[in-house]
Amino acid sequence: MCAGCWWKLPGTIAAPTGPQWHCGARDQAPAAARARAHADNQRLHARWVDLNLRRKRAVIANVAVARELAGWCWSLAVLPD
């Protein structure tokens, strides 16, 4: 999870995107889960930006966001159907 945060740093190569990288799982998720994922993605990005604006070291910011992401994944896994 921490490795994914490094794609956001200026001067790094962008993460691969496009139809060849899209497995279709996103389209199969329920609408509520997709909406929750999108909202949390934006929240985590805002958190990462805030930590960087406060001049936290990149390693600290990335691990903090990765820990929050791990907690979010756990909360989604235990969500009742």
C-alpha atoms as a PDB file:
ATOM      1  CA  MET A   1       0.000   0.000   0.000  1.00  0.00           C
ATOM      2  CA  CYS A   2       2.847   2.358   0.741  1.00  0.00           C
ATOM      3  CA  ALA A   3       4.259   1.897  -2.757  1.00  0.00           C
ATOM      4  CA  GLY A   4       1.091   3.305  -4.306  1.00  0.00           C
ATOM      5  CA  CYS A   5       1.640   6.614  -2.526  1.00  0.00           C
ATOM      6  CA  TRP A   6       4.949   7.169  -4.298  1.00  0.00           C
ATOM      7  CA  TRP A   7       3.143   7.596  -7.639  1.00  0.00           C
ATOM      8  CA  LYS A   8       1.871  10.953  -6.355  1.00  0.00           C
ATOM      9  CA  LEU A   9       5.290  12.526  -5.887  1.00  0.00           C
ATOM     10  CA  PRO A  10       6.276  15.212  -8.401  1.00  0.00           C
ATOM     11  CA  GLY A  11       8.801  14.014 -10.935  1.00  0.00           C
ATOM     12  CA  THR A  12       7.751  10.372 -10.790  1.00  0.00           C
ATOM     13  CA  ILE A  13       6.361   8.460 -13.722  1.00  0.00           C
ATOM     14  CA  ALA A  14       2.574   8.244 -13.676  1.00  0.00           C
ATOM     15  CA  ALA A  15       0.926   4.978 -12.711  1.00  0.00           C
ATOM     16  CA  PRO A  16      -0.194   2.850 -15.649  1.00  0.00           C
ATOM     17  CA  THR A  17      -3.773   3.537 -16.655  1.00  0.00           C
ATOM     18  CA  GLY A  18      -6.051   2.751 -19.529  1.00  0.00           C
ATOM     19  CA  PRO A  19      -8.369  -0.049 -20.560  1.00  0.00           C
ATOM     20  CA  GLN A  20      -5.636  -2.692 -20.495  1.00  0.00           C
ATOM     21  CA  TRP A  21      -5.196  -2.069 -16.744  1.00  0.00           C
ATOM     22  CA  HIS A  22      -8.919  -2.094 -15.940  1.00  0.00           C
ATOM     23  CA  CYS A  23     -10.043  -5.563 -14.795  1.00  0.00           C
ATOM     24  CA  GLY A  24     -13.743  -4.682 -14.652  1.00  0.00           C
ATOM     25  CA  ALA A  25     -14.114  -5.321 -10.915  1.00  0.00           C
ATOM     26  CA  ARG A  26     -15.026  -1.681 -10.333  1.00  0.00           C
ATOM     27  CA  ASP A  27     -18.036  -2.042 -12.627  1.00  0.00           C
ATOM     28  CA  GLN A  28     -19.236  -5.140 -10.747  1.00  0.00           C
ATOM     29  CA  ALA A  29     -19.198  -3.466  -7.325  1.00  0.00           C
ATOM     30  CA  PRO A  30     -22.498  -2.238  -5.877  1.00  0.00           C
ATOM     31  CA  ALA A  31     -23.227   1.452  -6.423  1.00  0.00           C
ATOM     32  CA  ALA A  32     -22.990   2.178  -2.688  1.00  0.00           C
ATOM     33  CA  ALA A  33     -19.511   0.620  -2.515  1.00  0.00           C
ATOM     34  CA  ARG A  34     -18.365   2.564  -5.591  1.00  0.00           C
ATOM     35  CA  ALA A  35     -19.620   5.834  -4.097  1.00  0.00           C
ATOM     36  CA  ARG A  36     -17.948   5.084  -0.768  1.00  0.00           C
ATOM     37  CA  ALA A  37     -14.686   4.164  -2.500  1.00  0.00           C
ATOM     38  CA  HIS A  38     -14.692   7.359  -4.552  1.00  0.00           C
ATOM     39  CA  ALA A  39     -15.388   9.541  -1.509  1.00  0.00           C
ATOM     40  CA  ASP A  40     -12.664   7.849   0.511  1.00  0.00           C
ATOM     41  CA  ASN A  41     -10.186   8.069  -2.352  1.00  0.00           C
ATOM     42  CA  GLN A  42     -10.718  11.822  -2.419  1.00  0.00           C
ATOM     43  CA  ARG A  43     -10.455  12.010   1.390  1.00  0.00           C
ATOM     44  CA  LEU A  44      -7.171  10.086   1.412  1.00  0.00           C
ATOM     45  CA  HIS A  45      -5.757  12.246  -1.371  1.00  0.00           C
ATOM     46  CA  ALA A  46      -6.716  15.392   0.564  1.00  0.00           C
ATOM     47  CA  ARG A  47      -5.027  13.929   3.649  1.00  0.00           C
ATOM     48  CA  TRP A  48      -1.864  13.221   1.650  1.00  0.00           C
ATOM     49  CA  VAL A  49      -1.843  16.763   0.216  1.00  0.00           C
ATOM     50  CA  ASP A  50      -2.377  18.239   3.700  1.00  0.00           C
ATOM     51  CA  LEU A  51       0.520  16.252   5.163  1.00  0.00           C
ATOM     52  CA  ASN A  52       2.781  17.392   2.339  1.00  0.00           C
ATOM     53  CA  LEU A  53       1.717  21.028   2.713  1.00  0.00           C
ATOM     54  CA  ARG A  54       2.640  20.742   6.391  1.00  0.00           C
ATOM     55  CA  ARG A  55       6.095  19.647   5.178  1.00  0.00           C
ATOM     56  CA  LYS A  56       5.931  16.160   6.621  1.00  0.00           C
ATOM     57  CA  ARG A  57       8.538  13.836   5.156  1.00  0.00           C
ATOM     58  CA  ALA A  58       7.221  11.859   2.182  1.00  0.00           C
ATOM     59  CA  VAL A  59       7.829   8.567   3.978  1.00  0.00           C
ATOM     60  CA  ILE A  60       5.741   9.692   6.962  1.00  0.00           C
ATOM     61  CA  ALA A  61       2.907  11.022   4.788  1.00  0.00           C
ATOM     62  CA  ASN A  62       2.801   7.893   2.642  1.00  0.00           C
ATOM     63  CA  VAL A  63       2.751   5.499   5.585  1.00  0.00           C
ATOM     64  CA  ALA A  64       0.049   7.542   7.333  1.00  0.00           C
ATOM     65  CA  VAL A  65      -2.175   7.414   4.252  1.00  0.00           C
ATOM     66  CA  ALA A  66      -1.427   3.707   3.723  1.00  0.00           C
ATOM     67  CA  ARG A  67      -2.447   2.954   7.325  1.00  0.00           C
ATOM     68  CA  GLU A  68      -5.718   4.806   6.821  1.00  0.00           C
ATOM     69  CA  LEU A  69      -6.257   2.889   3.582  1.00  0.00           C
ATOM     70  CA  ALA A  70      -5.661  -0.420   5.380  1.00  0.00           C
ATOM     71  CA  GLY A  71      -8.260   0.524   7.983  1.00  0.00           C
ATOM     72  CA  TRP A  72     -10.708   1.455   5.253  1.00  0.00           C
ATOM     73  CA  CYS A  73     -10.146  -1.897   3.490  1.00  0.00           C
ATOM     74  CA  TRP A  74     -10.832  -3.706   6.760  1.00  0.00           C
ATOM     75  CA  SER A  75     -14.033  -1.709   7.338  1.00  0.00           C
ATOM     76  CA  LEU A  76     -15.210  -2.568   3.837  1.00  0.00           C
ATOM     77  CA  ALA A  77     -14.398  -6.264   4.344  1.00  0.00           C
ATOM     78  CA  VAL A  78     -16.519  -6.537   7.497  1.00  0.00           C
ATOM     79  CA  LEU A  79     -19.401  -4.521   6.041  1.00  0.00           C
ATOM     80  CA  PRO A  80     -22.580  -6.620   6.036  1.00  0.00           C
ATOM     81  CA  ASP A  81     -23.900  -7.527   2.599  1.00  0.00           C
END
